[in-house]
Structures are given as structure tokens and as C-alpha cells.
N, C-alpha and C. Protein backbone atom coordinates (compact mmCIF):
# COMPACT_ATOMS: atom_id res chain seq x y z
N MET A 1 -27.32 -27.03 1.29
CA MET A 1 -26.76 -26.98 2.62
C MET A 1 -25.36 -26.38 2.54
N VAL A 2 -25.02 -25.55 3.53
CA VAL A 2 -23.70 -24.96 3.60
C VAL A 2 -23.01 -25.48 4.84
N ARG A 3 -21.79 -25.94 4.69
CA ARG A 3 -21.04 -26.38 5.86
C ARG A 3 -19.69 -25.70 5.88
N LYS A 4 -19.05 -25.67 7.02
CA LYS A 4 -17.77 -24.99 7.17
C LYS A 4 -16.65 -25.99 6.93
N VAL A 5 -15.71 -25.64 6.07
CA VAL A 5 -14.58 -26.49 5.76
C VAL A 5 -13.33 -25.68 5.97
N GLY A 6 -12.56 -25.99 6.99
CA GLY A 6 -11.30 -25.29 7.22
C GLY A 6 -11.45 -23.79 7.33
N GLY A 7 -12.53 -23.30 7.90
CA GLY A 7 -12.72 -21.88 8.04
C GLY A 7 -13.48 -21.25 6.88
N TRP A 8 -13.75 -22.01 5.83
CA TRP A 8 -14.46 -21.51 4.66
C TRP A 8 -15.82 -22.17 4.59
N ARG A 9 -16.76 -21.51 3.97
CA ARG A 9 -18.07 -22.12 3.75
C ARG A 9 -18.06 -22.87 2.44
N LYS A 10 -18.65 -24.02 2.46
CA LYS A 10 -18.69 -24.84 1.26
C LYS A 10 -20.12 -25.30 1.02
N SER A 11 -20.57 -25.12 -0.18
CA SER A 11 -21.92 -25.55 -0.51
C SER A 11 -21.87 -27.01 -0.95
N SER A 12 -22.87 -27.75 -0.56
CA SER A 12 -22.91 -29.15 -0.98
C SER A 12 -23.63 -29.30 -2.32
N GLY A 13 -23.98 -28.17 -2.93
CA GLY A 13 -24.63 -28.20 -4.24
C GLY A 13 -23.72 -28.85 -5.25
N GLY A 14 -24.19 -29.77 -6.05
CA GLY A 14 -23.42 -30.69 -6.87
C GLY A 14 -22.49 -30.11 -7.90
N HIS A 15 -21.37 -29.56 -7.50
CA HIS A 15 -20.35 -29.15 -8.45
C HIS A 15 -19.20 -30.13 -8.33
N ALA A 16 -18.98 -30.92 -9.35
CA ALA A 16 -17.88 -31.87 -9.32
C ALA A 16 -16.58 -31.11 -9.52
N GLY A 17 -15.57 -31.42 -8.72
CA GLY A 17 -14.28 -30.77 -8.86
C GLY A 17 -14.38 -29.28 -8.65
N ASN A 18 -15.09 -28.85 -7.61
CA ASN A 18 -15.29 -27.42 -7.41
C ASN A 18 -14.05 -26.73 -6.86
N PHE A 19 -14.15 -25.43 -6.67
CA PHE A 19 -13.06 -24.59 -6.22
C PHE A 19 -12.47 -25.09 -4.90
N TRP A 20 -13.31 -25.53 -3.99
CA TRP A 20 -12.84 -25.90 -2.66
C TRP A 20 -11.93 -27.11 -2.71
N ASP A 21 -12.16 -27.98 -3.67
CA ASP A 21 -11.29 -29.14 -3.81
C ASP A 21 -9.89 -28.72 -4.27
N ALA A 22 -9.82 -27.66 -5.07
CA ALA A 22 -8.55 -27.20 -5.60
C ALA A 22 -7.87 -26.18 -4.70
N TYR A 23 -8.61 -25.61 -3.74
CA TYR A 23 -8.06 -24.57 -2.87
C TYR A 23 -6.95 -25.14 -2.03
N GLN A 24 -5.79 -24.53 -2.09
CA GLN A 24 -4.65 -25.03 -1.35
C GLN A 24 -3.86 -23.85 -0.82
N LEU A 25 -3.72 -23.79 0.51
CA LEU A 25 -2.90 -22.74 1.10
C LEU A 25 -1.48 -22.88 0.63
N GLY A 26 -0.81 -21.76 0.50
CA GLY A 26 0.59 -21.80 0.11
C GLY A 26 0.99 -20.51 -0.56
N THR A 27 2.25 -20.41 -0.86
CA THR A 27 2.79 -19.23 -1.49
C THR A 27 3.04 -19.50 -2.96
N PRO A 28 2.30 -18.81 -3.83
CA PRO A 28 2.59 -19.00 -5.26
C PRO A 28 3.93 -18.36 -5.61
N ASP A 29 4.55 -18.88 -6.63
CA ASP A 29 5.80 -18.29 -7.10
C ASP A 29 5.49 -17.04 -7.90
N ALA A 30 6.37 -16.06 -7.79
CA ALA A 30 6.20 -14.82 -8.56
C ALA A 30 6.37 -15.14 -10.04
N PRO A 31 5.44 -14.66 -10.87
CA PRO A 31 5.58 -14.90 -12.32
C PRO A 31 6.84 -14.23 -12.87
N GLU A 32 7.41 -14.83 -13.88
CA GLU A 32 8.64 -14.31 -14.48
C GLU A 32 8.45 -12.96 -15.16
N TYR A 33 7.23 -12.65 -15.60
CA TYR A 33 7.00 -11.43 -16.35
C TYR A 33 6.93 -10.17 -15.49
N LEU A 34 6.94 -10.29 -14.17
CA LEU A 34 6.87 -9.10 -13.32
C LEU A 34 8.13 -8.25 -13.48
N CYS A 35 7.93 -6.94 -13.61
CA CYS A 35 9.08 -6.03 -13.68
C CYS A 35 9.68 -5.91 -12.28
N ASP A 36 10.82 -5.23 -12.17
CA ASP A 36 11.51 -5.12 -10.88
C ASP A 36 10.65 -4.46 -9.81
N LEU A 37 9.91 -3.41 -10.18
CA LEU A 37 9.06 -2.72 -9.21
C LEU A 37 7.92 -3.63 -8.74
N ALA A 38 7.32 -4.36 -9.67
CA ALA A 38 6.24 -5.28 -9.31
C ALA A 38 6.77 -6.43 -8.46
N LEU A 39 7.95 -6.91 -8.78
CA LEU A 39 8.55 -7.99 -8.01
C LEU A 39 8.88 -7.52 -6.59
N ALA A 40 9.32 -6.28 -6.45
CA ALA A 40 9.58 -5.72 -5.12
C ALA A 40 8.30 -5.68 -4.30
N GLU A 41 7.17 -5.30 -4.92
CA GLU A 41 5.89 -5.29 -4.21
C GLU A 41 5.48 -6.72 -3.85
N TRP A 42 5.68 -7.66 -4.75
CA TRP A 42 5.38 -9.07 -4.48
C TRP A 42 6.14 -9.52 -3.24
N ASN A 43 7.44 -9.23 -3.21
CA ASN A 43 8.28 -9.66 -2.09
C ASN A 43 7.91 -8.94 -0.79
N ARG A 44 7.34 -7.76 -0.87
CA ARG A 44 6.91 -7.02 0.31
C ARG A 44 5.59 -7.57 0.87
N ILE A 45 4.64 -7.86 -0.02
CA ILE A 45 3.28 -8.18 0.42
C ILE A 45 3.06 -9.66 0.72
N VAL A 46 3.75 -10.54 0.04
CA VAL A 46 3.54 -11.98 0.23
C VAL A 46 3.77 -12.43 1.68
N PRO A 47 4.84 -12.00 2.36
CA PRO A 47 4.98 -12.41 3.77
C PRO A 47 3.82 -11.96 4.65
N LEU A 48 3.28 -10.78 4.40
CA LEU A 48 2.14 -10.30 5.18
C LEU A 48 0.91 -11.15 4.91
N LEU A 49 0.67 -11.47 3.65
CA LEU A 49 -0.48 -12.31 3.31
C LEU A 49 -0.32 -13.73 3.84
N ASN A 50 0.89 -14.25 3.81
CA ASN A 50 1.14 -15.59 4.36
C ASN A 50 0.89 -15.61 5.86
N ALA A 51 1.32 -14.57 6.55
CA ALA A 51 1.15 -14.51 8.00
C ALA A 51 -0.32 -14.52 8.40
N THR A 52 -1.17 -14.00 7.55
CA THR A 52 -2.60 -13.95 7.88
C THR A 52 -3.36 -15.14 7.31
N ARG A 53 -2.68 -16.04 6.63
CA ARG A 53 -3.24 -17.27 6.09
C ARG A 53 -4.42 -17.03 5.14
N ILE A 54 -4.30 -16.00 4.32
CA ILE A 54 -5.34 -15.78 3.31
C ILE A 54 -4.82 -16.06 1.91
N LEU A 55 -3.54 -16.36 1.79
CA LEU A 55 -2.94 -16.56 0.48
C LEU A 55 -3.01 -18.03 0.08
N SER A 56 -3.36 -18.24 -1.18
CA SER A 56 -3.48 -19.59 -1.73
C SER A 56 -2.68 -19.67 -3.03
N LEU A 57 -2.36 -20.86 -3.41
CA LEU A 57 -1.68 -21.07 -4.68
C LEU A 57 -2.53 -20.59 -5.85
N THR A 58 -3.84 -20.56 -5.66
CA THR A 58 -4.75 -20.12 -6.73
C THR A 58 -4.76 -18.60 -6.90
N HIS A 59 -4.08 -17.87 -6.05
CA HIS A 59 -4.08 -16.40 -6.10
C HIS A 59 -2.96 -15.79 -6.93
N GLU A 60 -2.17 -16.60 -7.59
CA GLU A 60 -0.99 -16.11 -8.29
C GLU A 60 -1.30 -14.97 -9.27
N LYS A 61 -2.24 -15.17 -10.16
CA LYS A 61 -2.52 -14.17 -11.20
C LYS A 61 -3.12 -12.90 -10.63
N THR A 62 -4.01 -13.04 -9.63
CA THR A 62 -4.62 -11.85 -9.03
C THR A 62 -3.57 -11.05 -8.28
N LEU A 63 -2.71 -11.72 -7.56
CA LEU A 63 -1.65 -11.03 -6.82
C LEU A 63 -0.66 -10.39 -7.79
N ALA A 64 -0.36 -11.07 -8.88
CA ALA A 64 0.55 -10.51 -9.89
C ALA A 64 -0.06 -9.26 -10.52
N ALA A 65 -1.36 -9.28 -10.78
CA ALA A 65 -2.03 -8.11 -11.35
C ALA A 65 -1.98 -6.94 -10.37
N TYR A 66 -2.18 -7.21 -9.08
CA TYR A 66 -2.06 -6.16 -8.06
C TYR A 66 -0.66 -5.56 -8.09
N CYS A 67 0.35 -6.41 -8.11
CA CYS A 67 1.75 -5.94 -8.11
C CYS A 67 2.07 -5.14 -9.37
N ASP A 68 1.54 -5.57 -10.51
CA ASP A 68 1.71 -4.80 -11.76
C ASP A 68 1.12 -3.41 -11.63
N CYS A 69 -0.06 -3.32 -11.03
CA CYS A 69 -0.72 -2.02 -10.86
C CYS A 69 0.09 -1.11 -9.94
N VAL A 70 0.64 -1.67 -8.87
CA VAL A 70 1.49 -0.88 -7.97
C VAL A 70 2.69 -0.33 -8.74
N ALA A 71 3.29 -1.17 -9.56
CA ALA A 71 4.44 -0.74 -10.37
C ALA A 71 4.03 0.34 -11.37
N ASP A 72 2.86 0.18 -12.00
CA ASP A 72 2.38 1.18 -12.96
C ASP A 72 2.17 2.55 -12.30
N VAL A 73 1.62 2.54 -11.09
CA VAL A 73 1.42 3.80 -10.35
C VAL A 73 2.76 4.44 -10.07
N GLU A 74 3.72 3.66 -9.63
CA GLU A 74 5.04 4.19 -9.31
C GLU A 74 5.75 4.74 -10.55
N ILE A 75 5.64 4.03 -11.65
CA ILE A 75 6.27 4.49 -12.90
C ILE A 75 5.66 5.80 -13.36
N ALA A 76 4.34 5.90 -13.34
CA ALA A 76 3.65 7.13 -13.75
C ALA A 76 4.00 8.28 -12.81
N SER A 77 4.11 8.00 -11.52
CA SER A 77 4.47 9.04 -10.55
C SER A 77 5.88 9.57 -10.82
N LYS A 78 6.81 8.68 -11.13
CA LYS A 78 8.18 9.10 -11.44
C LYS A 78 8.21 9.94 -12.71
N GLU A 79 7.40 9.54 -13.68
CA GLU A 79 7.30 10.29 -14.94
C GLU A 79 6.79 11.71 -14.68
N LEU A 80 5.77 11.84 -13.84
CA LEU A 80 5.21 13.15 -13.52
C LEU A 80 6.22 14.01 -12.76
N THR A 81 6.97 13.39 -11.87
CA THR A 81 8.00 14.12 -11.11
C THR A 81 9.10 14.60 -12.06
N ARG A 82 9.49 13.76 -12.98
CA ARG A 82 10.56 14.10 -13.92
C ARG A 82 10.12 15.15 -14.94
N ASP A 83 8.93 14.99 -15.53
CA ASP A 83 8.51 15.83 -16.65
C ASP A 83 7.63 17.01 -16.24
N GLY A 84 7.09 16.95 -15.03
CA GLY A 84 6.16 17.99 -14.60
C GLY A 84 4.72 17.54 -14.77
N GLN A 85 3.82 18.28 -14.13
CA GLN A 85 2.42 17.92 -14.12
C GLN A 85 1.71 18.21 -15.45
N THR A 86 2.21 19.19 -16.18
CA THR A 86 1.59 19.57 -17.46
C THR A 86 2.65 19.57 -18.56
N ILE A 87 2.16 19.48 -19.78
CA ILE A 87 3.04 19.58 -20.97
C ILE A 87 2.35 20.50 -21.97
N LEU A 88 3.08 20.88 -23.00
CA LEU A 88 2.51 21.69 -24.07
C LEU A 88 2.10 20.77 -25.21
N ASP A 89 0.88 20.98 -25.72
CA ASP A 89 0.45 20.18 -26.86
C ASP A 89 1.01 20.79 -28.15
N SER A 90 0.63 20.27 -29.30
CA SER A 90 1.18 20.71 -30.59
C SER A 90 0.82 22.16 -30.91
N THR A 91 -0.23 22.69 -30.28
CA THR A 91 -0.61 24.09 -30.53
C THR A 91 -0.02 25.05 -29.49
N GLY A 92 0.75 24.51 -28.53
CA GLY A 92 1.34 25.34 -27.50
C GLY A 92 0.46 25.52 -26.26
N LYS A 93 -0.65 24.82 -26.20
CA LYS A 93 -1.57 24.91 -25.06
C LYS A 93 -1.12 23.93 -23.97
N LYS A 94 -1.20 24.38 -22.70
CA LYS A 94 -0.86 23.50 -21.58
C LYS A 94 -1.96 22.47 -21.36
N ILE A 95 -1.53 21.22 -21.25
CA ILE A 95 -2.48 20.13 -20.96
C ILE A 95 -1.87 19.25 -19.87
N ASN A 96 -2.72 18.46 -19.24
CA ASN A 96 -2.22 17.51 -18.25
C ASN A 96 -1.30 16.50 -18.92
N HIS A 97 -0.28 16.12 -18.20
CA HIS A 97 0.65 15.11 -18.69
C HIS A 97 -0.12 13.80 -18.89
N PRO A 98 0.15 13.05 -19.95
CA PRO A 98 -0.54 11.78 -20.20
C PRO A 98 -0.37 10.76 -19.06
N ALA A 99 0.70 10.90 -18.29
CA ALA A 99 0.93 9.98 -17.18
C ALA A 99 -0.14 10.12 -16.10
N TRP A 100 -0.81 11.28 -16.05
CA TRP A 100 -1.90 11.46 -15.08
C TRP A 100 -2.99 10.42 -15.28
N GLU A 101 -3.39 10.22 -16.51
CA GLU A 101 -4.46 9.26 -16.80
C GLU A 101 -4.01 7.84 -16.50
N ARG A 102 -2.77 7.51 -16.87
CA ARG A 102 -2.24 6.17 -16.59
C ARG A 102 -2.17 5.93 -15.08
N LYS A 103 -1.73 6.95 -14.34
CA LYS A 103 -1.62 6.82 -12.88
C LYS A 103 -3.00 6.64 -12.26
N ARG A 104 -3.97 7.43 -12.70
CA ARG A 104 -5.33 7.34 -12.17
C ARG A 104 -5.93 5.97 -12.43
N ASP A 105 -5.78 5.48 -13.65
CA ASP A 105 -6.35 4.17 -14.01
C ASP A 105 -5.66 3.04 -13.23
N ALA A 106 -4.33 3.11 -13.14
CA ALA A 106 -3.58 2.07 -12.42
C ALA A 106 -3.92 2.09 -10.94
N ARG A 107 -4.08 3.29 -10.38
CA ARG A 107 -4.42 3.39 -8.95
C ARG A 107 -5.81 2.79 -8.69
N ALA A 108 -6.76 3.09 -9.54
CA ALA A 108 -8.12 2.55 -9.36
C ALA A 108 -8.10 1.02 -9.44
N GLN A 109 -7.37 0.48 -10.40
CA GLN A 109 -7.28 -0.97 -10.54
C GLN A 109 -6.54 -1.58 -9.36
N MET A 110 -5.47 -0.91 -8.92
CA MET A 110 -4.70 -1.40 -7.77
C MET A 110 -5.59 -1.51 -6.54
N LEU A 111 -6.43 -0.51 -6.31
CA LEU A 111 -7.32 -0.55 -5.15
C LEU A 111 -8.34 -1.68 -5.26
N ARG A 112 -8.79 -1.97 -6.46
CA ARG A 112 -9.73 -3.10 -6.64
C ARG A 112 -9.06 -4.42 -6.26
N TYR A 113 -7.84 -4.61 -6.77
CA TYR A 113 -7.12 -5.84 -6.43
C TYR A 113 -6.76 -5.88 -4.95
N ALA A 114 -6.35 -4.75 -4.39
CA ALA A 114 -5.98 -4.70 -2.97
C ALA A 114 -7.14 -5.12 -2.08
N SER A 115 -8.35 -4.73 -2.47
CA SER A 115 -9.50 -5.09 -1.65
C SER A 115 -9.76 -6.60 -1.66
N GLU A 116 -9.35 -7.28 -2.72
CA GLU A 116 -9.51 -8.73 -2.78
C GLU A 116 -8.71 -9.44 -1.69
N PHE A 117 -7.60 -8.83 -1.29
CA PHE A 117 -6.73 -9.42 -0.28
C PHE A 117 -6.88 -8.77 1.09
N GLY A 118 -7.85 -7.86 1.23
CA GLY A 118 -8.06 -7.19 2.52
C GLY A 118 -7.02 -6.14 2.81
N LEU A 119 -6.44 -5.54 1.78
CA LEU A 119 -5.37 -4.57 1.97
C LEU A 119 -5.85 -3.12 2.05
N THR A 120 -7.15 -2.91 2.05
CA THR A 120 -7.69 -1.56 2.21
C THR A 120 -8.49 -1.53 3.51
N PRO A 121 -8.61 -0.37 4.12
CA PRO A 121 -9.34 -0.29 5.39
C PRO A 121 -10.77 -0.85 5.31
N SER A 122 -11.49 -0.54 4.26
CA SER A 122 -12.88 -1.01 4.18
C SER A 122 -12.96 -2.51 3.91
N ALA A 123 -11.94 -3.08 3.30
CA ALA A 123 -11.96 -4.51 2.98
C ALA A 123 -11.45 -5.38 4.12
N GLN A 124 -10.78 -4.78 5.10
CA GLN A 124 -10.18 -5.57 6.18
C GLN A 124 -11.20 -6.42 6.91
N SER A 125 -12.36 -5.88 7.17
CA SER A 125 -13.34 -6.62 7.94
C SER A 125 -14.03 -7.72 7.14
N LYS A 126 -13.84 -7.73 5.84
CA LYS A 126 -14.51 -8.72 4.99
C LYS A 126 -13.64 -9.94 4.70
N VAL A 127 -12.35 -9.87 5.05
CA VAL A 127 -11.42 -10.95 4.76
C VAL A 127 -11.28 -11.83 5.99
N SER A 128 -11.31 -13.13 5.77
CA SER A 128 -11.09 -14.06 6.88
C SER A 128 -10.04 -15.07 6.45
N VAL A 129 -9.53 -15.76 7.43
CA VAL A 129 -8.46 -16.72 7.16
C VAL A 129 -8.99 -18.13 7.16
N VAL A 130 -8.20 -19.00 6.58
CA VAL A 130 -8.47 -20.42 6.67
C VAL A 130 -7.81 -20.89 7.96
N ALA A 131 -8.53 -21.67 8.76
CA ALA A 131 -7.97 -22.14 10.02
C ALA A 131 -6.71 -22.94 9.76
N GLY A 132 -5.73 -22.74 10.62
CA GLY A 132 -4.48 -23.45 10.47
C GLY A 132 -3.63 -23.25 11.70
N PRO A 133 -2.33 -23.51 11.63
CA PRO A 133 -1.46 -23.40 12.78
C PRO A 133 -1.32 -21.94 13.24
N VAL A 134 -0.76 -21.78 14.41
CA VAL A 134 -0.57 -20.46 14.99
C VAL A 134 0.29 -19.61 14.07
N LEU A 135 -0.03 -18.32 13.99
CA LEU A 135 0.75 -17.40 13.18
C LEU A 135 2.13 -17.22 13.78
N GLU A 136 3.08 -16.78 12.96
CA GLU A 136 4.43 -16.57 13.44
C GLU A 136 4.45 -15.60 14.62
N GLU A 137 5.36 -15.82 15.53
CA GLU A 137 5.45 -14.98 16.70
C GLU A 137 5.73 -13.53 16.29
N GLY A 138 5.05 -12.61 16.90
CA GLY A 138 5.25 -11.19 16.60
C GLY A 138 4.32 -10.66 15.52
N ILE A 139 3.58 -11.52 14.85
CA ILE A 139 2.64 -11.09 13.82
C ILE A 139 1.26 -10.99 14.46
N ASP A 140 0.66 -9.83 14.40
CA ASP A 140 -0.68 -9.66 14.96
C ASP A 140 -1.68 -10.27 13.99
N PRO A 141 -2.42 -11.30 14.39
CA PRO A 141 -3.34 -11.96 13.47
C PRO A 141 -4.52 -11.07 13.09
N ARG A 142 -4.71 -9.95 13.75
CA ARG A 142 -5.79 -9.04 13.40
C ARG A 142 -5.33 -8.00 12.38
N ILE A 143 -4.14 -8.18 11.84
CA ILE A 143 -3.53 -7.17 10.98
C ILE A 143 -4.42 -6.78 9.80
N PHE A 144 -5.22 -7.68 9.28
CA PHE A 144 -6.09 -7.37 8.16
C PHE A 144 -7.56 -7.40 8.55
N GLY A 145 -7.83 -7.00 9.75
CA GLY A 145 -9.22 -6.88 10.16
C GLY A 145 -9.67 -8.02 11.04
N ARG A 146 -10.89 -8.42 10.91
CA ARG A 146 -11.57 -9.40 11.74
C ARG A 146 -11.15 -10.82 11.36
N LEU A 147 -9.85 -11.11 11.51
CA LEU A 147 -9.35 -12.41 11.07
C LEU A 147 -9.61 -13.50 12.10
N LEU A 148 -9.22 -13.26 13.29
CA LEU A 148 -9.45 -14.23 14.36
C LEU A 148 -9.92 -13.46 15.58
N ARG A 149 -10.70 -14.04 16.40
CA ARG A 149 -11.20 -13.38 17.60
C ARG A 149 -10.31 -13.75 18.80
N ILE A 150 -9.01 -13.66 18.61
CA ILE A 150 -8.06 -14.05 19.64
C ILE A 150 -8.22 -13.20 20.90
N ASP A 151 -8.40 -11.91 20.70
CA ASP A 151 -8.51 -11.04 21.86
C ASP A 151 -9.69 -11.45 22.73
N GLN A 152 -10.80 -11.83 22.13
CA GLN A 152 -11.98 -12.26 22.89
C GLN A 152 -11.71 -13.59 23.59
N LEU A 153 -11.07 -14.51 22.89
CA LEU A 153 -10.77 -15.81 23.50
C LEU A 153 -9.83 -15.64 24.68
N CYS A 154 -8.82 -14.80 24.53
CA CYS A 154 -7.87 -14.58 25.62
C CYS A 154 -8.57 -13.92 26.80
N ALA A 155 -9.45 -12.97 26.52
CA ALA A 155 -10.18 -12.29 27.59
C ALA A 155 -11.06 -13.26 28.36
N GLN A 156 -11.52 -14.31 27.69
CA GLN A 156 -12.35 -15.33 28.35
C GLN A 156 -11.51 -16.44 28.98
N GLY A 157 -10.20 -16.27 28.90
CA GLY A 157 -9.31 -17.30 29.45
C GLY A 157 -9.25 -18.54 28.61
N ARG A 158 -9.56 -18.43 27.31
CA ARG A 158 -9.58 -19.59 26.41
C ARG A 158 -8.55 -19.43 25.30
N ALA A 159 -7.36 -18.95 25.66
CA ALA A 159 -6.31 -18.72 24.66
C ALA A 159 -5.91 -20.00 23.95
N GLU A 160 -6.06 -21.16 24.64
CA GLU A 160 -5.66 -22.43 24.03
C GLU A 160 -6.51 -22.75 22.79
N VAL A 161 -7.70 -22.18 22.70
CA VAL A 161 -8.58 -22.44 21.55
C VAL A 161 -7.96 -21.94 20.28
N TRP A 162 -7.49 -20.71 20.26
CA TRP A 162 -6.93 -20.16 19.01
C TRP A 162 -5.60 -20.77 18.68
N ARG A 163 -4.88 -21.29 19.65
CA ARG A 163 -3.60 -21.95 19.35
C ARG A 163 -3.81 -23.23 18.55
N LYS A 164 -5.01 -23.81 18.64
CA LYS A 164 -5.32 -25.04 17.93
C LYS A 164 -5.79 -24.77 16.51
N LEU A 165 -6.06 -23.52 16.16
CA LEU A 165 -6.57 -23.20 14.82
C LEU A 165 -5.56 -23.51 13.76
């Protein structure tokens, strides 16, 4: 049997101490190992994720990995801008700069992590929030896709329903 718990589906299948028991909304602290660029991305994205109520204390490592990938892309991009798109190998032949491969790999990984948080257009409709208090004033709760059906509730004259979430 599946039942809804705080906006999430929970299976009653016998898992003692399952994920749902440990799931706790909140803002994880940024890990100390993040470089300055990754920390800047952490500080940029965490308020957006908090506003949409999809961030949990259990997301620390996944969010840190996303921020690391963003930093890796930026570092490789700066390297390519500084050194140029191609370099000469030991035989004098032009080859792609090694930063191209690092940038490509980091970008692909970054997009995978971004989709986990609904930060890509295709992932927006797949992310939902845990029911909770009203979002901060001025924050559109639909910012990451089909989060709340506020517009429909308001159109039906039932705005008080979403205020109770």
C-alpha cells in the first residue's frame, strides 16, 4: 500500500528505519572542501531550492557534487579562454586543449545532478515539494515546474487551500 506523507508517497512495505523516517526538510551546511567557485554556486542555489521546499538535510553530498561540477566547468572554461581552444602536441600538431574534455565531462555530470533538483527544463515537471508553510513573499512557487497548483486553486476561488500547505 502507498500512502501520502507530507506531500511524498510512502510505501508501507516493511523497511525498518526507512528513508522517509530520516527525511528532514532543511538547509544542509556547505561542506568545508568546496572551493570558492563551488561555494559561490552553493550560496546562489540553496535559497532557490529552499524557497521551493525541495531541499533536505539528506541532500548535502548531492548538492555539493553539483556545485563542484559547476566550478569544474567554470575552471575549464577560464583555462580555454586563457590558453586558446587548441594547443600544439610534442610533434607540433594542433590538438584540442585538454580542458575541452574536462569541461565536457563536468558539464554532463553537472546536468545529471541539476536534474535531481529540478534545475533543468525537462526535470522541472518531475520535481515536487513537500507540503509546508507558504513560500516567502515574492517567490513564485512554480519556479521549478509543477510544484503547486496555486494558479488553479486561485482561479477556483480556493486560495486559502494552498496557504495551509
